[in-house]
Amino acid sequence: MFFLEFACVKYDITGKDLAEQHLFDFEKIVSGMERVLWGFFKKLVIAERLSVLVNTVYGDCQTYSGFYVFVAAGAFTLQLYADFSGAMDIALGVSECFGVELPENFRTPFYSVSIQEFWRRWHITLGEWLREYVFYPLQRSRIFSRLRK
């Protein structure tokens, strides 16, 4: 999943940053490393600790039921959130250290009021990529134009 985030960034957005020469900027490196460390904390401390709870409850359904399954479901949601958010922090922090500005790909999805808004906040660049390279071409294809008739 970590490499998928890079696959969704279009070249016309980052091409200029990749091609030009970058000068050493101590503040950007410090800021980027802080974000990388925060991402590792989310992935290795929060998500991995929650996975112990989730795997214990889901691995022994005979012993744990009812309230424990409900708690494990909430912990699994937080585990996914911390894992994905941490991966994005690591990717964006490393790119910032090298002077490349990548677009944000994750904006507080649990504050969404609808499923559509949740998807737009959860994986921003993947949604744009799917829209531009999958849905629009399919929509303009002969097969779909025949289906509409």
N, C-alpha and C. Protein backbone atom coordinates (compact mmCIF):
# COMPACT_ATOMS: atom_id res chain seq x y z
N MET A 1 0.83 -1.19 0.00
CA MET A 1 0.00 0.00 0.00
C MET A 1 0.87 1.25 0.00
N PHE A 2 2.07 1.19 0.57
CA PHE A 2 2.93 2.36 0.68
C PHE A 2 3.29 2.91 -0.69
N PHE A 3 3.55 2.04 -1.69
CA PHE A 3 3.94 2.49 -3.00
C PHE A 3 2.77 3.01 -3.81
N LEU A 4 1.56 2.65 -3.45
CA LEU A 4 0.39 3.10 -4.16
C LEU A 4 0.24 4.61 -4.08
N GLU A 5 0.64 5.21 -2.96
CA GLU A 5 0.51 6.65 -2.81
C GLU A 5 1.34 7.39 -3.85
N PHE A 6 2.55 6.87 -4.16
CA PHE A 6 3.38 7.52 -5.15
C PHE A 6 2.82 7.34 -6.55
N ALA A 7 2.19 6.20 -6.81
CA ALA A 7 1.65 5.93 -8.14
C ALA A 7 0.51 6.87 -8.48
N CYS A 8 -0.13 7.45 -7.48
CA CYS A 8 -1.29 8.28 -7.72
C CYS A 8 -0.95 9.76 -7.91
N VAL A 9 0.28 10.15 -7.75
CA VAL A 9 0.68 11.53 -7.94
C VAL A 9 1.04 11.73 -9.41
N LYS A 10 0.39 12.69 -10.04
CA LYS A 10 0.61 12.92 -11.46
C LYS A 10 1.89 13.71 -11.70
N TYR A 11 2.52 13.45 -12.83
CA TYR A 11 3.79 14.08 -13.16
C TYR A 11 3.64 15.59 -13.34
N ASP A 12 2.53 16.03 -13.90
CA ASP A 12 2.39 17.48 -14.11
C ASP A 12 2.31 18.25 -12.79
N ILE A 13 2.02 17.57 -11.70
CA ILE A 13 2.00 18.21 -10.39
C ILE A 13 3.40 18.27 -9.79
N THR A 14 4.15 17.18 -9.90
CA THR A 14 5.46 17.10 -9.25
C THR A 14 6.64 17.17 -10.20
N GLY A 15 6.41 17.18 -11.49
CA GLY A 15 7.50 17.14 -12.46
C GLY A 15 8.48 18.28 -12.32
N LYS A 16 7.97 19.48 -12.08
CA LYS A 16 8.86 20.64 -11.94
C LYS A 16 9.77 20.48 -10.71
N ASP A 17 9.20 20.03 -9.61
CA ASP A 17 10.01 19.82 -8.39
C ASP A 17 11.04 18.72 -8.58
N LEU A 18 10.71 17.69 -9.35
CA LEU A 18 11.65 16.60 -9.56
C LEU A 18 12.80 17.01 -10.47
N ALA A 19 12.54 17.89 -11.43
CA ALA A 19 13.55 18.25 -12.42
C ALA A 19 14.51 19.34 -11.95
N GLU A 20 14.05 20.24 -11.13
CA GLU A 20 14.91 21.36 -10.75
C GLU A 20 15.87 20.99 -9.61
N GLN A 21 16.94 21.75 -9.54
CA GLN A 21 17.95 21.52 -8.51
C GLN A 21 17.49 22.15 -7.21
N HIS A 22 17.72 21.46 -6.11
CA HIS A 22 17.29 21.95 -4.81
C HIS A 22 18.51 22.28 -3.95
N LEU A 23 18.44 23.43 -3.32
CA LEU A 23 19.49 23.82 -2.40
C LEU A 23 19.22 23.24 -1.02
N PHE A 24 20.27 23.08 -0.26
CA PHE A 24 20.14 22.56 1.10
C PHE A 24 19.34 23.55 1.94
N ASP A 25 18.24 23.10 2.50
CA ASP A 25 17.39 23.94 3.33
C ASP A 25 17.18 23.21 4.67
N PHE A 26 17.88 23.67 5.68
CA PHE A 26 17.86 23.01 6.99
C PHE A 26 16.45 22.96 7.57
N GLU A 27 15.69 24.04 7.42
CA GLU A 27 14.34 24.08 7.98
C GLU A 27 13.42 23.04 7.34
N LYS A 28 13.54 22.86 6.02
CA LYS A 28 12.72 21.85 5.34
C LYS A 28 13.12 20.45 5.77
N ILE A 29 14.41 20.23 5.96
CA ILE A 29 14.87 18.90 6.39
C ILE A 29 14.37 18.60 7.80
N VAL A 30 14.46 19.58 8.69
CA VAL A 30 13.96 19.38 10.06
C VAL A 30 12.46 19.14 10.05
N SER A 31 11.73 19.94 9.30
CA SER A 31 10.28 19.78 9.21
C SER A 31 9.92 18.42 8.61
N GLY A 32 10.63 18.03 7.57
CA GLY A 32 10.37 16.73 6.95
C GLY A 32 10.68 15.57 7.87
N MET A 33 11.79 15.66 8.61
CA MET A 33 12.15 14.59 9.53
C MET A 33 11.17 14.50 10.70
N GLU A 34 10.66 15.64 11.15
CA GLU A 34 9.64 15.61 12.20
C GLU A 34 8.41 14.86 11.72
N ARG A 35 8.03 15.12 10.47
CA ARG A 35 6.86 14.44 9.92
C ARG A 35 7.13 12.95 9.73
N VAL A 36 8.34 12.60 9.31
CA VAL A 36 8.70 11.19 9.16
C VAL A 36 8.64 10.48 10.52
N LEU A 37 9.20 11.10 11.54
CA LEU A 37 9.18 10.50 12.88
C LEU A 37 7.75 10.35 13.41
N TRP A 38 6.92 11.34 13.17
CA TRP A 38 5.52 11.27 13.57
C TRP A 38 4.83 10.12 12.82
N GLY A 39 5.15 9.95 11.55
CA GLY A 39 4.58 8.85 10.77
C GLY A 39 5.02 7.50 11.30
N PHE A 40 6.31 7.36 11.64
CA PHE A 40 6.78 6.11 12.21
C PHE A 40 6.13 5.84 13.56
N PHE A 41 5.90 6.88 14.35
CA PHE A 41 5.21 6.71 15.63
C PHE A 41 3.80 6.18 15.40
N LYS A 42 3.10 6.76 14.43
CA LYS A 42 1.73 6.30 14.15
C LYS A 42 1.72 4.84 13.70
N LYS A 43 2.64 4.49 12.80
CA LYS A 43 2.66 3.14 12.25
C LYS A 43 3.17 2.11 13.26
N LEU A 44 4.31 2.41 13.88
CA LEU A 44 4.98 1.40 14.69
C LEU A 44 4.49 1.34 16.13
N VAL A 45 3.98 2.43 16.65
CA VAL A 45 3.51 2.41 18.03
C VAL A 45 2.00 2.26 18.08
N ILE A 46 1.30 3.18 17.45
CA ILE A 46 -0.17 3.15 17.57
C ILE A 46 -0.77 1.98 16.79
N ALA A 47 -0.49 1.90 15.49
CA ALA A 47 -1.12 0.86 14.66
C ALA A 47 -0.69 -0.55 15.09
N GLU A 48 0.57 -0.73 15.40
CA GLU A 48 1.03 -2.07 15.78
C GLU A 48 0.49 -2.49 17.14
N ARG A 49 0.36 -1.57 18.07
CA ARG A 49 -0.22 -1.92 19.39
C ARG A 49 -1.70 -2.25 19.26
N LEU A 50 -2.39 -1.51 18.42
CA LEU A 50 -3.80 -1.82 18.20
C LEU A 50 -3.97 -3.17 17.50
N SER A 51 -3.01 -3.53 16.64
CA SER A 51 -3.12 -4.81 15.95
C SER A 51 -3.03 -5.99 16.92
N VAL A 52 -2.32 -5.83 18.01
CA VAL A 52 -2.26 -6.90 19.02
C VAL A 52 -3.65 -7.14 19.60
N LEU A 53 -4.33 -6.08 19.94
CA LEU A 53 -5.70 -6.20 20.47
C LEU A 53 -6.64 -6.81 19.44
N VAL A 54 -6.59 -6.28 18.23
CA VAL A 54 -7.49 -6.75 17.17
C VAL A 54 -7.24 -8.22 16.84
N ASN A 55 -5.99 -8.59 16.68
CA ASN A 55 -5.68 -9.99 16.36
C ASN A 55 -6.03 -10.94 17.48
N THR A 56 -5.89 -10.50 18.72
CA THR A 56 -6.25 -11.34 19.86
C THR A 56 -7.75 -11.62 19.88
N VAL A 57 -8.55 -10.58 19.72
CA VAL A 57 -10.00 -10.75 19.77
C VAL A 57 -10.51 -11.50 18.56
N TYR A 58 -10.08 -11.10 17.36
CA TYR A 58 -10.57 -11.77 16.15
C TYR A 58 -9.99 -13.18 15.99
N GLY A 59 -8.87 -13.45 16.61
CA GLY A 59 -8.25 -14.77 16.51
C GLY A 59 -8.87 -15.80 17.42
N ASP A 60 -9.62 -15.38 18.42
CA ASP A 60 -10.22 -16.31 19.37
C ASP A 60 -11.69 -15.93 19.59
N CYS A 61 -12.50 -16.25 18.59
CA CYS A 61 -13.92 -15.86 18.63
C CYS A 61 -14.71 -16.62 19.69
N GLN A 62 -14.21 -17.77 20.12
CA GLN A 62 -14.91 -18.54 21.14
C GLN A 62 -14.83 -17.86 22.51
N THR A 63 -13.68 -17.27 22.80
CA THR A 63 -13.48 -16.64 24.10
C THR A 63 -14.05 -15.23 24.13
N TYR A 64 -13.80 -14.47 23.08
CA TYR A 64 -14.20 -13.07 23.04
C TYR A 64 -15.45 -12.92 22.18
N SER A 65 -16.46 -12.28 22.73
CA SER A 65 -17.68 -12.02 21.97
C SER A 65 -18.34 -10.76 22.51
N GLY A 66 -19.35 -10.32 21.85
CA GLY A 66 -20.14 -9.17 22.31
C GLY A 66 -19.35 -7.89 22.39
N PHE A 67 -19.19 -7.38 23.59
CA PHE A 67 -18.53 -6.09 23.81
C PHE A 67 -17.10 -6.09 23.30
N TYR A 68 -16.39 -7.21 23.46
CA TYR A 68 -14.99 -7.29 23.02
C TYR A 68 -14.88 -7.16 21.50
N VAL A 69 -15.81 -7.75 20.77
CA VAL A 69 -15.80 -7.63 19.31
C VAL A 69 -16.08 -6.19 18.91
N PHE A 70 -16.98 -5.54 19.61
CA PHE A 70 -17.27 -4.13 19.33
C PHE A 70 -16.04 -3.26 19.56
N VAL A 71 -15.34 -3.49 20.65
CA VAL A 71 -14.11 -2.75 20.95
C VAL A 71 -13.04 -3.05 19.90
N ALA A 72 -12.92 -4.32 19.50
CA ALA A 72 -11.93 -4.69 18.48
C ALA A 72 -12.26 -4.05 17.13
N ALA A 73 -13.53 -3.92 16.81
CA ALA A 73 -13.91 -3.27 15.55
C ALA A 73 -13.51 -1.79 15.57
N GLY A 74 -13.72 -1.13 16.69
CA GLY A 74 -13.27 0.26 16.82
C GLY A 74 -11.75 0.38 16.78
N ALA A 75 -11.07 -0.57 17.43
CA ALA A 75 -9.61 -0.56 17.41
C ALA A 75 -9.08 -0.82 16.01
N PHE A 76 -9.76 -1.68 15.25
CA PHE A 76 -9.33 -1.95 13.88
C PHE A 76 -9.48 -0.71 13.01
N THR A 77 -10.55 0.05 13.23
CA THR A 77 -10.74 1.30 12.49
C THR A 77 -9.62 2.27 12.80
N LEU A 78 -9.28 2.42 14.06
CA LEU A 78 -8.17 3.30 14.46
C LEU A 78 -6.83 2.77 13.95
N GLN A 79 -6.67 1.46 13.91
CA GLN A 79 -5.45 0.86 13.38
C GLN A 79 -5.27 1.22 11.90
N LEU A 80 -6.32 1.07 11.12
CA LEU A 80 -6.24 1.44 9.69
C LEU A 80 -5.93 2.91 9.52
N TYR A 81 -6.58 3.74 10.33
CA TYR A 81 -6.35 5.18 10.26
C TYR A 81 -4.89 5.51 10.57
N ALA A 82 -4.35 4.97 11.65
CA ALA A 82 -2.98 5.27 12.04
C ALA A 82 -1.98 4.71 11.04
N ASP A 83 -2.26 3.55 10.49
CA ASP A 83 -1.36 2.94 9.52
C ASP A 83 -1.30 3.76 8.24
N PHE A 84 -2.43 4.12 7.69
CA PHE A 84 -2.46 4.88 6.44
C PHE A 84 -1.94 6.30 6.65
N SER A 85 -2.38 6.93 7.72
CA SER A 85 -1.92 8.29 8.01
C SER A 85 -0.41 8.33 8.26
N GLY A 86 0.10 7.33 8.95
CA GLY A 86 1.54 7.24 9.20
C GLY A 86 2.32 7.05 7.92
N ALA A 87 1.82 6.20 7.02
CA ALA A 87 2.50 5.99 5.73
C ALA A 87 2.54 7.28 4.93
N MET A 88 1.46 8.02 4.96
CA MET A 88 1.43 9.29 4.21
C MET A 88 2.38 10.30 4.85
N ASP A 89 2.46 10.34 6.16
CA ASP A 89 3.39 11.25 6.82
C ASP A 89 4.83 10.91 6.48
N ILE A 90 5.16 9.63 6.41
CA ILE A 90 6.51 9.22 6.05
C ILE A 90 6.83 9.64 4.62
N ALA A 91 5.93 9.36 3.70
CA ALA A 91 6.16 9.70 2.29
C ALA A 91 6.28 11.20 2.09
N LEU A 92 5.39 11.96 2.69
CA LEU A 92 5.42 13.41 2.52
C LEU A 92 6.62 14.03 3.24
N GLY A 93 7.02 13.47 4.37
CA GLY A 93 8.18 13.98 5.09
C GLY A 93 9.47 13.74 4.34
N VAL A 94 9.64 12.54 3.77
CA VAL A 94 10.84 12.25 2.99
C VAL A 94 10.90 13.15 1.77
N SER A 95 9.79 13.31 1.10
CA SER A 95 9.79 14.18 -0.09
C SER A 95 10.10 15.62 0.29
N GLU A 96 9.62 16.06 1.44
CA GLU A 96 9.92 17.42 1.89
C GLU A 96 11.41 17.59 2.17
N CYS A 97 12.05 16.55 2.71
CA CYS A 97 13.49 16.62 2.97
C CYS A 97 14.27 16.83 1.68
N PHE A 98 13.79 16.27 0.59
CA PHE A 98 14.45 16.40 -0.71
C PHE A 98 13.96 17.60 -1.50
N GLY A 99 13.07 18.39 -0.93
CA GLY A 99 12.60 19.59 -1.59
C GLY A 99 11.48 19.38 -2.58
N VAL A 100 10.86 18.22 -2.57
CA VAL A 100 9.76 17.91 -3.49
C VAL A 100 8.46 18.03 -2.71
N GLU A 101 7.57 18.85 -3.21
CA GLU A 101 6.28 19.04 -2.55
C GLU A 101 5.25 18.09 -3.17
N LEU A 102 4.78 17.13 -2.39
CA LEU A 102 3.72 16.23 -2.83
C LEU A 102 2.39 16.73 -2.29
N PRO A 103 1.31 16.48 -3.00
CA PRO A 103 0.00 16.93 -2.50
C PRO A 103 -0.44 16.09 -1.30
N GLU A 104 -1.18 16.71 -0.42
CA GLU A 104 -1.75 15.99 0.72
C GLU A 104 -2.68 14.92 0.20
N ASN A 105 -2.69 13.79 0.86
CA ASN A 105 -3.48 12.67 0.40
C ASN A 105 -4.44 12.16 1.46
N PHE A 106 -4.55 12.89 2.56
CA PHE A 106 -5.28 12.38 3.69
C PHE A 106 -5.69 13.56 4.56
N ARG A 107 -6.98 13.85 4.65
CA ARG A 107 -7.45 14.99 5.45
C ARG A 107 -8.59 14.57 6.36
N THR A 108 -8.29 14.24 7.56
CA THR A 108 -9.24 13.91 8.63
C THR A 108 -10.55 13.29 8.11
N PRO A 109 -10.48 12.06 7.61
CA PRO A 109 -11.67 11.45 7.01
C PRO A 109 -12.78 11.15 8.00
N PHE A 110 -12.47 11.00 9.28
CA PHE A 110 -13.52 10.66 10.23
C PHE A 110 -14.39 11.86 10.61
N TYR A 111 -14.06 13.03 10.12
CA TYR A 111 -14.92 14.20 10.30
C TYR A 111 -15.92 14.34 9.17
N SER A 112 -15.97 13.39 8.26
CA SER A 112 -16.86 13.43 7.11
C SER A 112 -18.30 13.25 7.55
N VAL A 113 -19.20 13.81 6.77
CA VAL A 113 -20.63 13.67 7.06
C VAL A 113 -21.31 12.72 6.08
N SER A 114 -20.59 12.28 5.05
CA SER A 114 -21.15 11.33 4.10
C SER A 114 -20.04 10.38 3.63
N ILE A 115 -20.46 9.30 2.99
CA ILE A 115 -19.49 8.34 2.48
C ILE A 115 -18.68 8.94 1.34
N GLN A 116 -19.32 9.75 0.50
CA GLN A 116 -18.60 10.40 -0.59
C GLN A 116 -17.51 11.32 -0.06
N GLU A 117 -17.83 12.10 0.94
CA GLU A 117 -16.84 12.99 1.54
C GLU A 117 -15.73 12.19 2.23
N PHE A 118 -16.11 11.08 2.86
CA PHE A 118 -15.12 10.21 3.49
C PHE A 118 -14.10 9.73 2.47
N TRP A 119 -14.57 9.25 1.30
CA TRP A 119 -13.66 8.78 0.27
C TRP A 119 -12.77 9.92 -0.23
N ARG A 120 -13.33 11.09 -0.45
CA ARG A 120 -12.54 12.23 -0.92
C ARG A 120 -11.47 12.62 0.09
N ARG A 121 -11.75 12.47 1.36
CA ARG A 121 -10.76 12.84 2.39
C ARG A 121 -9.76 11.71 2.66
N TRP A 122 -10.16 10.45 2.43
CA TRP A 122 -9.31 9.33 2.79
C TRP A 122 -8.16 9.17 1.82
N HIS A 123 -8.41 9.17 0.54
CA HIS A 123 -7.36 8.94 -0.44
C HIS A 123 -7.58 9.90 -1.60
N ILE A 124 -7.13 11.11 -1.42
CA ILE A 124 -7.42 12.20 -2.34
C ILE A 124 -6.86 11.94 -3.73
N THR A 125 -5.57 11.63 -3.83
CA THR A 125 -4.96 11.49 -5.15
C THR A 125 -5.42 10.22 -5.86
N LEU A 126 -5.76 9.15 -5.13
CA LEU A 126 -6.27 7.95 -5.78
C LEU A 126 -7.62 8.25 -6.41
N GLY A 127 -8.46 9.01 -5.73
CA GLY A 127 -9.75 9.38 -6.30
C GLY A 127 -9.59 10.19 -7.57
N GLU A 128 -8.65 11.14 -7.56
CA GLU A 128 -8.39 11.93 -8.77
C GLU A 128 -7.87 11.05 -9.89
N TRP A 129 -6.96 10.13 -9.58
CA TRP A 129 -6.39 9.25 -10.58
C TRP A 129 -7.46 8.34 -11.19
N LEU A 130 -8.29 7.73 -10.35
CA LEU A 130 -9.36 6.87 -10.85
C LEU A 130 -10.33 7.65 -11.72
N ARG A 131 -10.67 8.85 -11.30
CA ARG A 131 -11.58 9.68 -12.07
C ARG A 131 -11.00 10.01 -13.45
N GLU A 132 -9.74 10.41 -13.48
CA GLU A 132 -9.13 10.86 -14.73
C GLU A 132 -8.73 9.71 -15.66
N TYR A 133 -8.23 8.61 -15.11
CA TYR A 133 -7.69 7.56 -15.96
C TYR A 133 -8.57 6.31 -16.08
N VAL A 134 -9.61 6.19 -15.27
CA VAL A 134 -10.48 5.02 -15.36
C VAL A 134 -11.91 5.42 -15.71
N PHE A 135 -12.54 6.24 -14.86
CA PHE A 135 -13.95 6.53 -15.04
C PHE A 135 -14.23 7.40 -16.27
N TYR A 136 -13.50 8.47 -16.46
CA TYR A 136 -13.74 9.33 -17.63
C TYR A 136 -13.49 8.59 -18.94
N PRO A 137 -12.38 7.86 -19.10
CA PRO A 137 -12.22 7.10 -20.35
C PRO A 137 -13.31 6.06 -20.57
N LEU A 138 -13.73 5.37 -19.50
CA LEU A 138 -14.83 4.42 -19.65
C LEU A 138 -16.12 5.11 -20.05
N GLN A 139 -16.35 6.25 -19.46
CA GLN A 139 -17.56 6.99 -19.75
C GLN A 139 -17.60 7.45 -21.20
N ARG A 140 -16.45 7.74 -21.79
CA ARG A 140 -16.37 8.20 -23.17
C ARG A 140 -16.22 7.06 -24.18
N SER A 141 -16.13 5.82 -23.70
CA SER A 141 -15.92 4.70 -24.60
C SER A 141 -17.19 4.37 -25.38
N ARG A 142 -17.01 3.62 -26.45
CA ARG A 142 -18.15 3.25 -27.31
C ARG A 142 -19.13 2.34 -26.58
N ILE A 143 -18.60 1.47 -25.75
CA ILE A 143 -19.47 0.52 -25.05
C ILE A 143 -20.46 1.27 -24.16
N PHE A 144 -19.97 2.22 -23.40
CA PHE A 144 -20.86 2.96 -22.50
C PHE A 144 -21.78 3.90 -23.27
N SER A 145 -21.33 4.42 -24.39
CA SER A 145 -22.22 5.28 -25.18
C SER A 145 -23.36 4.44 -25.76
N ARG A 146 -23.07 3.18 -26.10
CA ARG A 146 -24.13 2.29 -26.60
C ARG A 146 -25.09 1.91 -25.48
N LEU A 147 -24.55 1.70 -24.28
CA LEU A 147 -25.40 1.35 -23.15
C LEU A 147 -26.35 2.49 -22.77
N ARG A 148 -25.89 3.70 -22.93
CA ARG A 148 -26.75 4.85 -22.61
C ARG A 148 -27.93 4.96 -23.57
N LYS A 149 -27.73 4.52 -24.81
CA LYS A 149 -28.81 4.59 -25.80
C LYS A 149 -29.76 3.46 -25.54
